[in-house]
Protein backbone atom coordinates (compact mmCIF):
# COMPACT_ATOMS: atom_id res chain seq x y z
CA UNK A 1 0.09 -0.15 0.00
CA UNK A 2 1.21 3.38 -0.61
CA UNK A 3 0.86 6.47 1.97
CA UNK A 4 -1.44 8.04 -1.09
CA UNK A 5 -3.79 4.58 -1.24
CA UNK A 6 -3.43 4.87 3.12
CA UNK A 7 -4.41 8.30 3.44
CA UNK A 8 -7.54 7.56 0.97
CA UNK A 9 -8.24 4.68 3.43
CA UNK A 10 -9.00 7.17 6.22
CA UNK A 11 -12.69 8.40 4.21
CA UNK A 12 -13.46 4.46 4.85
CA UNK A 13 -15.02 3.39 7.67
CA UNK A 14 -13.76 -0.06 8.01
CA UNK A 15 -9.68 -0.56 8.77
CA UNK A 16 -8.27 -1.70 5.04
CA UNK A 17 -7.79 -5.52 6.40
CA UNK A 18 -4.03 -5.87 4.39
CA UNK A 19 -3.07 -2.68 6.95
CA UNK A 20 -0.24 -4.27 8.84
CA UNK A 21 -0.42 -3.47 13.05
CA UNK A 22 1.27 -0.54 13.95
CA UNK A 23 0.03 1.12 10.46
CA UNK A 24 -3.26 0.08 12.10
CA UNK A 25 -2.55 2.24 15.00
CA UNK A 26 -1.67 5.15 12.69
CA UNK A 27 -4.79 4.58 10.74
CA UNK A 28 -7.44 4.09 14.07
CA UNK A 29 -4.98 7.93 15.50
CA UNK A 30 -5.81 9.63 12.19
CA UNK A 31 -9.90 8.95 12.53
CA UNK A 32 -9.41 10.26 15.68
CA UNK A 33 -9.55 6.82 18.13
CA UNK A 34 -6.03 7.46 19.84
CA UNK A 35 -6.84 4.67 22.62
CA UNK A 36 -7.74 1.83 20.15
CA UNK A 37 -3.97 3.64 18.22
CA UNK A 38 -2.62 3.31 21.62
CA UNK A 39 -3.48 -0.73 22.47
CA UNK A 40 -2.20 -1.81 19.53
CA UNK A 41 0.90 0.27 19.90
CA UNK A 42 1.44 -1.35 23.40
CA UNK A 43 1.39 -4.17 22.08
CA UNK A 44 4.14 -4.85 19.66
CA UNK A 45 7.39 -4.79 22.18
CA UNK A 46 9.61 -3.46 19.37
CA UNK A 47 11.78 -0.38 18.51
CA UNK A 48 8.38 0.58 15.29
CA UNK A 49 6.08 -0.11 18.65
CA UNK A 50 8.35 1.97 21.18
CA UNK A 51 8.21 4.96 17.82
CA UNK A 52 4.58 4.70 17.08
CA UNK A 53 3.93 4.85 20.85
CA UNK A 54 6.55 7.66 21.40
CA UNK A 55 4.08 9.05 18.65
CA UNK A 56 0.54 8.49 20.04
CA UNK A 57 2.12 10.47 23.18
CA UNK A 58 3.64 12.89 21.83
CA UNK A 59 0.25 13.88 19.75
CA UNK A 60 -1.55 13.30 23.16
CA UNK A 61 0.70 15.93 25.19
CA UNK A 62 2.12 13.94 27.47
CA UNK A 63 5.93 14.97 26.80
CA UNK A 64 7.63 13.45 29.06
CA UNK A 65 6.25 9.64 28.69
CA UNK A 66 6.70 10.75 24.84
CA UNK A 67 10.46 10.86 25.91
CA UNK A 68 10.45 7.78 27.40
CA UNK A 69 9.02 5.99 24.55
CA UNK A 70 11.42 8.14 21.98
CA UNK A 71 14.63 6.83 23.88
CA UNK A 72 13.17 3.01 23.42
CA UNK A 73 12.64 3.28 19.88
CA UNK A 74 16.35 4.72 19.58
CA UNK A 75 15.02 8.16 18.35
CA UNK A 76 15.94 11.62 19.07
CA UNK A 77 12.65 13.67 19.65
CA UNK A 78 11.74 14.83 16.47
CA UNK A 79 12.42 18.52 15.79
CA UNK A 80 8.95 18.26 12.86
CA UNK A 81 5.64 18.68 13.31
CA UNK A 82 3.02 16.45 13.95
CA UNK A 83 1.50 15.78 10.86
CA UNK A 84 5.18 15.36 9.71
CA UNK A 85 6.16 13.07 11.99
CA UNK A 86 2.92 10.74 10.85
CA UNK A 87 3.64 10.80 7.43
CA UNK A 88 7.25 9.47 8.40
CA UNK A 89 5.80 7.01 10.17
CA UNK A 90 3.35 5.66 7.92
CA UNK A 91 5.49 5.71 5.21
CA UNK A 92 8.86 3.57 6.66
CA UNK A 93 5.67 1.15 8.60
CA UNK A 94 4.20 0.71 4.85
CA UNK A 95 7.82 0.08 3.19
CA UNK A 96 8.47 -2.90 5.83
CA UNK A 97 5.23 -4.76 4.51
């Protein structure tokens, strides 16, 4: 799935069945379901899961928690907008399919 297809899927009512787990977290978050996105991210104990988890806490405004998860992901706290980070993560995860 391309980033354009992924963005287009946000207008639909159902999660695309071929979407990998962490991309699904971003899908839910973009549609306003932070809790579901957070639940998915918490279940993935990899550096990718930590990155998504960090982004979600940054989006929530809990920067202390976000910094912890960025550290777990091996990433520096980003100096880009939330939208730009969402896209960066999405492109990365979709390329791993």
